[in-house]
Protein backbone atom coordinates (compact mmCIF):
# COMPACT_ATOMS: atom_id res chain seq x y z
CA UNK A 1 94.36 101.16 143.85
CA UNK A 2 96.39 101.09 147.00
CA UNK A 3 99.49 98.87 147.30
CA UNK A 4 101.24 98.62 150.67
CA UNK A 5 104.98 99.28 150.66
CA UNK A 6 107.72 97.56 152.75
CA UNK A 7 107.64 100.52 155.25
CA UNK A 8 104.08 99.92 156.43
CA UNK A 9 104.89 96.16 156.49
CA UNK A 10 107.75 96.90 158.81
CA UNK A 11 105.53 99.05 161.18
CA UNK A 12 102.98 96.32 161.37
CA UNK A 13 105.54 93.69 162.14
CA UNK A 14 106.93 95.94 164.89
CA UNK A 15 103.47 96.31 166.46
CA UNK A 16 102.81 92.65 166.29
CA UNK A 17 106.17 92.03 167.96
CA UNK A 18 105.28 94.50 170.80
CA UNK A 19 101.98 92.90 171.32
CA UNK A 20 103.68 89.48 171.70
CA UNK A 21 105.99 90.94 174.32
CA UNK A 22 103.15 92.74 176.13
CA UNK A 23 101.70 89.37 177.04
CA UNK A 24 104.62 89.00 179.36
CA UNK A 25 104.72 92.56 180.51
CA UNK A 26 101.29 93.84 181.46
CA UNK A 27 102.09 97.57 180.95
CA UNK A 28 103.07 96.91 177.31
CA UNK A 29 99.35 96.61 176.28
CA UNK A 30 98.84 100.33 176.78
CA UNK A 31 101.93 101.21 174.68
CA UNK A 32 101.28 98.70 171.97
CA UNK A 33 97.56 99.85 171.62
CA UNK A 34 98.67 103.57 171.53
CA UNK A 35 101.28 102.70 168.86
CA UNK A 36 98.77 100.69 166.84
CA UNK A 37 96.25 103.56 166.87
CA UNK A 38 98.97 106.00 166.01
CA UNK A 39 100.08 103.90 163.00
CA UNK A 40 96.52 103.38 161.69
CA UNK A 41 95.94 107.19 161.83
CA UNK A 42 99.23 107.98 160.21
CA UNK A 43 98.54 105.37 157.47
CA UNK A 44 95.11 106.78 156.68
CA UNK A 45 96.54 110.36 156.58
CA UNK A 46 99.31 109.06 154.27
CA UNK A 47 96.55 107.55 151.89
CA UNK A 48 94.58 110.86 151.88
CA UNK A 49 97.65 112.93 150.95
CA UNK A 50 98.62 110.48 148.29
CA UNK A 51 95.27 110.76 146.55
CA UNK A 52 95.50 114.46 146.85
CA UNK A 53 98.83 114.49 144.85
CA UNK A 54 97.56 112.66 141.82
CA UNK A 55 96.16 115.82 140.16
CA UNK A 56 99.71 117.27 139.84
CA UNK A 57 100.54 114.92 137.00
CA UNK A 58 98.71 114.60 133.70
CA UNK A 59 99.34 112.30 130.64
CA UNK A 60 98.23 113.03 127.16
CA UNK A 61 98.16 110.63 124.24
CA UNK A 62 97.84 111.48 120.48
CA UNK A 63 94.41 110.84 118.90
CA UNK A 64 95.88 108.61 116.18
CA UNK A 65 99.03 106.40 116.18
CA UNK A 66 100.21 104.86 112.90
CA UNK A 67 102.05 101.72 112.81
CA UNK A 68 103.17 99.19 110.18
CA UNK A 69 102.45 95.48 110.56
CA UNK A 70 105.33 93.63 112.08
CA UNK A 71 107.52 96.83 112.40
CA UNK A 72 108.55 98.42 115.68
CA UNK A 73 106.78 101.74 116.27
CA UNK A 74 106.06 103.90 119.26
CA UNK A 75 103.17 105.65 121.01
CA UNK A 76 104.13 109.17 121.98
CA UNK A 77 103.10 110.32 125.48
CA UNK A 78 103.05 113.91 126.77
CA UNK A 79 103.85 114.08 130.45
CA UNK A 80 103.25 117.14 132.60
CA UNK A 81 104.18 117.76 136.19
CA UNK A 82 102.47 120.89 137.63
CA UNK A 83 104.00 120.40 141.16
CA UNK A 84 107.07 122.58 142.13
CA UNK A 85 108.97 119.62 143.59
CA UNK A 86 110.51 116.44 142.14
CA UNK A 87 108.19 113.40 141.62
CA UNK A 88 109.14 109.77 141.42
CA UNK A 89 106.62 107.39 139.90
CA UNK A 90 106.33 104.38 137.59
CA UNK A 91 104.29 104.69 134.34
CA UNK A 92 102.38 101.99 132.44
CA UNK A 93 100.26 101.85 129.28
CA UNK A 94 97.13 99.79 128.87
CA UNK A 95 97.78 98.43 125.41
CA UNK A 96 94.94 96.54 123.69
CA UNK A 97 95.03 92.94 122.67
CA UNK A 98 97.05 92.56 119.40
CA UNK A 99 99.52 95.30 120.34
CA UNK A 100 102.64 93.96 122.08
CA UNK A 101 105.56 95.80 123.85
CA UNK A 102 108.68 94.55 125.53
CA UNK A 103 108.45 97.44 128.02
CA UNK A 104 106.14 96.69 130.76
CA UNK A 105 106.49 99.81 132.93
CA UNK A 106 108.74 102.87 133.04
CA UNK A 107 110.34 104.34 136.14
CA UNK A 108 110.51 108.10 136.00
CA UNK A 109 111.81 111.05 138.09
CA UNK A 110 110.55 114.41 136.86
CA UNK A 111 111.48 118.02 137.99
CA UNK A 112 108.91 120.53 139.09
CA UNK A 113 106.84 122.35 136.44
CA UNK A 114 108.13 119.87 133.87
CA UNK A 115 106.92 118.78 130.53
CA UNK A 116 108.30 115.89 128.55
CA UNK A 117 107.51 113.69 125.56
CA UNK A 118 108.05 109.96 126.04
CA UNK A 119 108.00 107.16 123.29
CA UNK A 120 106.43 103.86 124.25
CA UNK A 121 107.77 101.22 121.88
CA UNK A 122 105.16 98.69 120.49
CA UNK A 123 104.34 96.68 117.47
CA UNK A 124 101.57 94.41 116.10
CA UNK A 125 101.60 91.27 114.06
CA UNK A 126 98.09 91.87 112.73
CA UNK A 127 96.86 94.96 110.85
CA UNK A 128 93.59 96.62 111.84
CA UNK A 129 92.21 99.25 114.28
CA UNK A 130 92.95 99.21 117.98
CA UNK A 131 91.98 101.51 120.87
CA UNK A 132 94.02 102.33 123.98
CA UNK A 133 91.54 102.71 126.83
CA UNK A 134 93.80 104.20 129.33
CA UNK A 135 97.25 104.45 131.17
CA UNK A 136 98.25 104.27 134.77
CA UNK A 137 100.98 105.36 137.00
CA UNK A 138 102.09 104.29 140.47
CA UNK A 139 103.15 107.08 142.93
CA UNK A 140 104.53 106.63 146.34
CA UNK A 141 102.64 108.35 149.19
CA UNK A 142 104.31 111.29 151.06
CA UNK A 143 105.28 108.97 154.04
CA UNK A 144 106.16 106.05 151.76
CA UNK A 145 103.61 103.64 153.40
CA UNK A 146 101.62 103.10 150.17
CA UNK A 147 101.99 103.16 146.42
CA UNK A 148 98.90 104.84 144.98
CA UNK A 149 98.13 103.57 141.52
CA UNK A 150 96.04 105.89 139.45
CA UNK A 151 94.23 105.01 136.23
CA UNK A 152 94.09 107.88 133.69
CA UNK A 153 91.21 107.37 131.15
CA UNK A 154 92.29 108.26 127.67
CA UNK A 155 91.34 107.46 124.05
CA UNK A 156 93.88 106.97 121.54
CA UNK A 157 93.46 105.05 118.16
CA UNK A 158 96.18 102.75 116.93
CA UNK A 159 95.98 102.04 113.13
CA UNK A 160 98.20 99.11 111.95
CA UNK A 161 98.77 99.36 108.17
CA UNK A 162 100.14 96.65 105.83
CA UNK A 163 103.83 96.53 105.77
CA UNK A 164 105.03 97.05 102.16
CA UNK A 165 108.52 98.34 102.82
CA UNK A 166 110.27 94.98 102.34
CA UNK A 167 108.55 94.12 99.10
CA UNK A 168 108.97 97.78 97.87
CA UNK A 169 112.72 97.45 98.41
CA UNK A 170 112.86 94.18 96.34
CA UNK A 171 111.02 96.05 93.51
CA UNK A 172 112.70 99.53 93.94
CA UNK A 173 113.08 99.88 90.20
CA UNK A 174 109.32 100.05 89.73
CA UNK A 175 109.07 103.09 91.99
CA UNK A 176 111.32 105.44 90.07
CA UNK A 177 109.94 108.78 89.17
CA UNK A 178 110.44 108.08 85.44
CA UNK A 179 107.78 106.18 83.52
CA UNK A 180 108.33 102.95 81.45
CA UNK A 181 110.83 101.62 84.01
CA UNK A 182 110.64 98.13 85.45
CA UNK A 183 112.95 95.41 86.41
CA UNK A 184 114.43 95.75 82.81
CA UNK A 185 114.13 98.56 80.39
CA UNK A 186 111.34 97.79 77.95
CA UNK A 187 110.65 99.24 74.44
CA UNK A 188 107.14 100.76 74.04
CA UNK A 189 105.35 98.78 71.41
CA UNK A 190 103.18 100.37 68.84
CA UNK A 191 102.71 103.96 67.80
CA UNK A 192 100.19 104.91 70.37
CA UNK A 193 96.45 105.24 70.22
CA UNK A 194 95.68 108.71 71.77
CA UNK A 195 95.40 111.60 69.31
CA UNK A 196 97.95 114.40 69.96
CA UNK A 197 97.93 116.98 67.04
CA UNK A 198 97.74 117.37 63.23
CA UNK A 199 100.65 118.16 60.95
CA UNK A 200 101.42 118.34 57.26
CA UNK A 201 101.89 115.04 55.45
CA UNK A 202 105.52 113.81 55.16
CA UNK A 203 106.98 111.16 52.95
CA UNK A 204 106.56 107.66 54.20
CA UNK A 205 103.54 108.51 56.43
CA UNK A 206 100.90 105.79 56.54
CA UNK A 207 97.85 106.49 54.52
CA UNK A 208 95.69 105.21 57.42
CA UNK A 209 96.89 108.27 59.40
CA UNK A 210 95.74 110.83 56.88
CA UNK A 211 92.89 113.02 58.20
CA UNK A 212 90.80 113.20 54.99
CA UNK A 213 88.33 115.81 56.36
CA UNK A 214 91.21 118.28 57.17
CA UNK A 215 92.87 117.43 53.92
CA UNK A 216 89.81 118.43 51.87
CA UNK A 217 89.39 121.62 53.86
CA UNK A 218 93.14 122.68 53.40
CA UNK A 219 93.62 121.24 49.97
CA UNK A 220 96.90 119.39 50.98
CA UNK A 221 97.43 116.15 52.92
CA UNK A 222 97.17 116.41 56.73
CA UNK A 223 98.33 113.51 59.08
CA UNK A 224 97.19 112.68 62.49
CA UNK A 225 99.90 112.25 65.04
CA UNK A 226 99.30 109.91 67.98
CA UNK A 227 100.98 109.48 71.28
CA UNK A 228 101.13 106.58 73.67
CA UNK A 229 98.32 106.78 76.07
CA UNK A 230 99.64 107.47 79.58
CA UNK A 231 96.76 108.07 81.90
CA UNK A 232 94.60 105.06 82.09
CA UNK A 233 92.24 103.70 84.77
CA UNK A 234 93.39 100.74 86.85
CA UNK A 235 91.01 99.08 89.34
CA UNK A 236 91.83 96.32 91.88
CA UNK A 237 88.88 94.25 92.86
CA UNK A 238 89.76 92.55 96.16
CA UNK A 239 87.89 89.51 97.32
CA UNK A 240 87.66 89.12 101.08
CA UNK A 241 85.21 86.10 101.16
CA UNK A 242 85.80 82.76 102.92
CA UNK A 243 88.45 81.35 100.72
CA UNK A 244 90.70 84.43 101.32
CA UNK A 245 91.09 83.19 105.01
CA UNK A 246 93.12 80.26 103.96
CA UNK A 247 96.89 80.19 105.05
CA UNK A 248 99.69 80.75 102.61
CA UNK A 249 100.73 77.87 100.28
CA UNK A 250 104.32 78.10 101.55
CA UNK A 251 106.68 75.94 103.52
CA UNK A 252 108.26 78.94 105.28
CA UNK A 253 107.45 78.66 108.97
CA UNK A 254 107.79 82.51 109.39
CA UNK A 255 104.93 82.97 107.08
CA UNK A 256 102.65 80.19 108.33
CA UNK A 257 100.25 82.68 109.92
CA UNK A 258 99.83 84.89 106.86
CA UNK A 259 96.59 84.58 105.09
CA UNK A 260 95.99 84.91 101.36
CA UNK A 261 93.98 87.98 102.00
CA UNK A 262 97.09 89.60 103.69
CA UNK A 263 99.18 89.07 100.51
CA UNK A 264 96.30 90.42 98.37
CA UNK A 265 96.19 93.59 100.49
CA UNK A 266 99.94 94.10 100.19
CA UNK A 267 99.80 93.51 96.43
CA UNK A 268 96.94 96.10 96.13
CA UNK A 269 99.01 98.82 97.78
CA UNK A 270 102.07 97.94 95.69
CA UNK A 271 100.09 98.10 92.54
CA UNK A 272 98.68 101.48 93.66
CA UNK A 273 102.16 102.87 94.01
CA UNK A 274 103.30 101.42 90.69
CA UNK A 275 100.22 103.00 88.92
CA UNK A 276 101.05 106.31 90.56
CA UNK A 277 104.61 106.07 89.21
CA UNK A 278 103.33 105.10 85.74
CA UNK A 279 100.98 108.04 85.62
CA UNK A 280 97.79 105.94 85.73
CA UNK A 281 94.59 106.46 87.79
CA UNK A 282 94.20 103.83 90.48
CA UNK A 283 90.89 102.72 91.95
CA UNK A 284 89.76 100.22 94.49
CA UNK A 285 86.73 97.78 94.86
CA UNK A 286 86.48 95.59 98.05
CA UNK A 287 83.79 92.88 98.15
CA UNK A 288 82.64 89.64 99.82
CA UNK A 289 79.01 88.72 99.35
CA UNK A 290 78.41 92.42 98.54
CA UNK A 291 80.34 95.48 97.58
CA UNK A 292 81.86 96.95 100.78
CA UNK A 293 84.27 99.69 99.52
CA UNK A 294 84.56 101.64 96.35
CA UNK A 295 87.07 104.35 95.49
CA UNK A 296 86.96 105.87 92.06
CA UNK A 297 90.20 105.97 90.15
CA UNK A 298 92.30 109.02 90.86
CA UNK A 299 96.06 109.67 91.35
CA UNK A 300 98.15 111.77 93.79
CA UNK A 301 99.55 111.01 97.33
CA UNK A 302 96.25 111.93 98.99
CA UNK A 303 94.47 109.32 96.96
CA UNK A 304 97.05 106.68 97.76
CA UNK A 305 96.54 107.44 101.42
CA UNK A 306 92.88 107.14 101.03
CA UNK A 307 93.29 103.84 99.49
CA UNK A 308 95.44 102.69 102.38
CA UNK A 309 92.86 103.86 104.87
CA UNK A 310 90.08 102.03 103.03
CA UNK A 311 92.04 98.74 102.89
CA UNK A 312 93.78 98.40 106.23
CA UNK A 313 90.71 97.26 108.10
CA UNK A 314 89.50 94.57 105.62
CA UNK A 315 89.16 91.17 107.25
CA UNK A 316 88.08 87.84 105.82
CA UNK A 317 84.31 87.12 105.80
CA UNK A 318 82.76 83.70 106.18
CA UNK A 319 80.47 84.23 103.16
CA UNK A 320 80.40 83.13 99.53
CA UNK A 321 81.13 85.93 96.97
CA UNK A 322 78.22 87.10 94.82
CA UNK A 323 79.87 87.75 91.43
CA UNK A 324 76.67 88.69 89.65
CA UNK A 325 75.97 91.53 92.08
CA UNK A 326 79.59 92.65 91.86
CA UNK A 327 79.69 92.66 88.11
CA UNK A 328 76.33 94.58 87.95
CA UNK A 329 77.72 97.21 90.36
CA UNK A 330 81.01 97.62 88.30
CA UNK A 331 79.12 97.83 84.99
CA UNK A 332 76.90 100.52 86.37
CA UNK A 333 79.68 102.54 87.92
CA UNK A 334 82.49 102.36 85.35
CA UNK A 335 81.64 103.97 82.03
CA UNK A 336 85.08 104.42 80.74
CA UNK A 337 87.18 101.37 79.62
CA UNK A 338 89.51 100.21 82.42
CA UNK A 339 91.85 97.53 83.51
CA UNK A 340 90.10 95.31 86.18
CA UNK A 341 92.46 93.30 88.26
CA UNK A 342 90.45 90.80 90.36
CA UNK A 343 92.47 89.43 93.24
CA UNK A 344 90.23 86.39 93.99
CA UNK A 345 90.24 82.63 94.53
CA UNK A 346 88.82 80.59 91.68
CA UNK A 347 90.23 77.07 92.70
CA UNK A 348 86.81 76.22 93.95
CA UNK A 349 85.07 74.61 90.97
CA UNK A 350 81.68 76.07 91.66
CA UNK A 351 82.99 79.62 92.18
CA UNK A 352 85.14 79.35 89.02
CA UNK A 353 82.21 78.18 87.03
CA UNK A 354 80.01 81.06 88.29
CA UNK A 355 82.72 83.57 87.65
CA UNK A 356 83.26 82.37 84.01
CA UNK A 357 79.48 82.24 83.37
CA UNK A 358 78.98 85.92 84.39
CA UNK A 359 82.16 87.70 83.52
CA UNK A 360 80.88 88.52 79.98
CA UNK A 361 79.15 91.46 81.65
CA UNK A 362 82.43 93.24 82.05
CA UNK A 363 84.82 91.58 79.39
CA UNK A 364 82.92 93.30 76.52
CA UNK A 365 83.91 96.75 77.60
CA UNK A 366 86.85 96.39 80.05
CA UNK A 367 90.13 94.58 80.05
CA UNK A 368 89.76 91.92 82.77
CA UNK A 369 92.46 89.99 84.51
CA UNK A 370 91.72 87.41 87.11
CA UNK A 371 94.69 86.88 89.40
CA UNK A 372 94.79 84.20 92.06
CA UNK A 373 97.36 82.39 94.25
CA UNK A 374 98.45 79.11 92.67
CA UNK A 375 97.58 76.29 95.03
CA UNK A 376 100.53 74.41 96.08
CA UNK A 377 98.97 70.99 95.44
CA UNK A 378 97.94 71.99 91.99
CA UNK A 379 100.41 70.33 89.52
CA UNK A 380 100.56 67.73 86.87
CA UNK A 381 100.69 64.13 87.89
CA UNK A 382 104.14 63.31 86.82
CA UNK A 383 105.71 66.69 87.64
CA UNK A 384 107.23 65.34 90.83
CA UNK A 385 109.05 62.00 91.53
CA UNK A 386 107.10 58.92 92.00
CA UNK A 387 104.72 58.46 94.88
CA UNK A 388 106.25 56.96 98.03
CA UNK A 389 102.93 55.37 99.33
CA UNK A 390 99.23 55.06 98.73
CA UNK A 391 98.39 58.37 100.54
CA UNK A 392 101.01 60.20 98.46
CA UNK A 393 99.51 58.82 95.30
CA UNK A 394 96.03 60.01 96.16
CA UNK A 395 97.49 63.52 97.08
CA UNK A 396 99.09 63.72 93.70
CA UNK A 397 95.84 62.55 91.83
CA UNK A 398 93.86 65.28 93.75
CA UNK A 399 96.51 67.88 92.77
CA UNK A 400 96.34 66.75 89.12
CA UNK A 401 92.57 67.11 89.06
CA UNK A 402 92.87 70.58 90.62
CA UNK A 403 95.46 71.51 87.86
CA UNK A 404 93.13 70.12 85.17
CA UNK A 405 90.17 72.16 86.41
CA UNK A 406 92.34 75.38 86.47
CA UNK A 407 93.56 74.73 82.94
CA UNK A 408 89.99 74.29 81.78
CA UNK A 409 88.93 77.44 83.56
CA UNK A 410 91.89 79.31 81.91
CA UNK A 411 90.75 78.24 78.42
CA UNK A 412 87.09 79.15 79.21
CA UNK A 413 88.15 82.72 80.40
CA UNK A 414 90.49 83.11 77.40
CA UNK A 415 87.70 82.48 75.00
CA UNK A 416 85.87 85.38 76.66
CA UNK A 417 88.88 87.67 76.59
CA UNK A 418 89.80 87.31 80.22
CA UNK A 419 93.40 86.51 81.34
CA UNK A 420 93.88 84.11 84.26
CA UNK A 421 97.06 84.88 86.19
CA UNK A 422 98.28 82.18 88.54
CA UNK A 423 100.79 83.71 90.89
CA UNK A 424 103.37 81.79 93.00
CA UNK A 425 103.76 83.10 96.57
CA UNK A 426 107.50 83.94 96.74
CA UNK A 427 107.23 86.11 93.58
CA UNK A 428 103.60 86.92 93.37
CA UNK A 429 104.14 90.70 93.79
CA UNK A 430 106.66 90.99 90.97
CA UNK A 431 104.45 88.70 88.73
CA UNK A 432 101.38 91.01 89.25
CA UNK A 433 103.15 94.23 88.71
CA UNK A 434 105.15 92.85 85.67
CA UNK A 435 101.84 91.68 84.14
CA UNK A 436 100.51 95.23 84.61
CA UNK A 437 103.61 96.72 82.96
CA UNK A 438 103.37 94.31 80.07
CA UNK A 439 99.71 95.50 79.47
CA UNK A 440 101.08 99.14 79.48
CA UNK A 441 103.78 98.17 77.05
CA UNK A 442 101.59 96.32 74.64
CA UNK A 443 98.97 99.08 74.88
CA UNK A 444 96.19 96.39 75.17
CA UNK A 445 94.06 98.70 77.29
């Protein structure tokens, strides 16, 4: 792209002025025509020289740029000037939709044979995968008549991950290196269920712990010693169907654009970090109307990064979840007893009924917890002051019916050995992780 500068505009204005004067002076036509032809030739030569100089500057972008949602990051650019003299130009970056930056362009002056690394600040309010298609720079021509704007094609991937730093700071006690730490120090309940070793019988040992086979072989009592089971499998089953696209049940305007799925994604990563600190194996299953992602339970930083890569591109789908297919998939893949944490939405009466009718496929073998965001309208009829008008009364009646349906669903699931956890938005992350720590403490799994 060629953009005229003020210098060529001044030359053209001078030629027009001379042509206006030449209408009075006959000899002026020859001079004005010669000056115009010379200006056109000079401008064309300036354009050709300007395009020839564009190969002296190269711009390289990294293959992958990692950002956190809502946090300011930067794209690193590597700038190289192969010419031997100083260059002045302006630099711009073609950011994709969804990536914003307060810096529109950057004016630079680089030395000859110069290489530099620049950071372009940017951020995104929505997680996902984005591509930078190219960058451009504007360079003045040698005579200053034009600004030659060059577009440099490049391919750089921007990955915007969920931002868990704020919630992680609030629950910093959960992410200590030691195990059995939470918001408060908790005593481990029970003697443990995992066999550790055998030892000779001591007074006051429980008769249930005597290993009679070894006792008969050695001819003196032998006792089994158990330890608390530390390495357990924890799976989060994340629902990304149509109900997860709803907005937060919150009155905070800053969080008005956050969806329920966004909170579930953040909760999944926080739970993965908490399980890593507790020494458990963490796995992930993502589904809508079919199973989309499956990561078998493992531990270690590499596996946590794999979970982050698998979850950051999940978006809500306008479909209804198929729980029967999901439960069949889990029953076929998971042979060992595990904790299954379903982050789903069961406030729809039909979905809740279907979930309750088919969950027995998993509840007989695994420990199942169904966690969902508590609807803001779901509350007892007389939990708030009296209704101000007729519309307010109908709203309270609808909320009471929703609360009654959830209570009934909770009872149905409890009879099948499934716990329904209703989470409140401001403290949902702490409620979920505290429930997981309570299961660890009581050795229910």
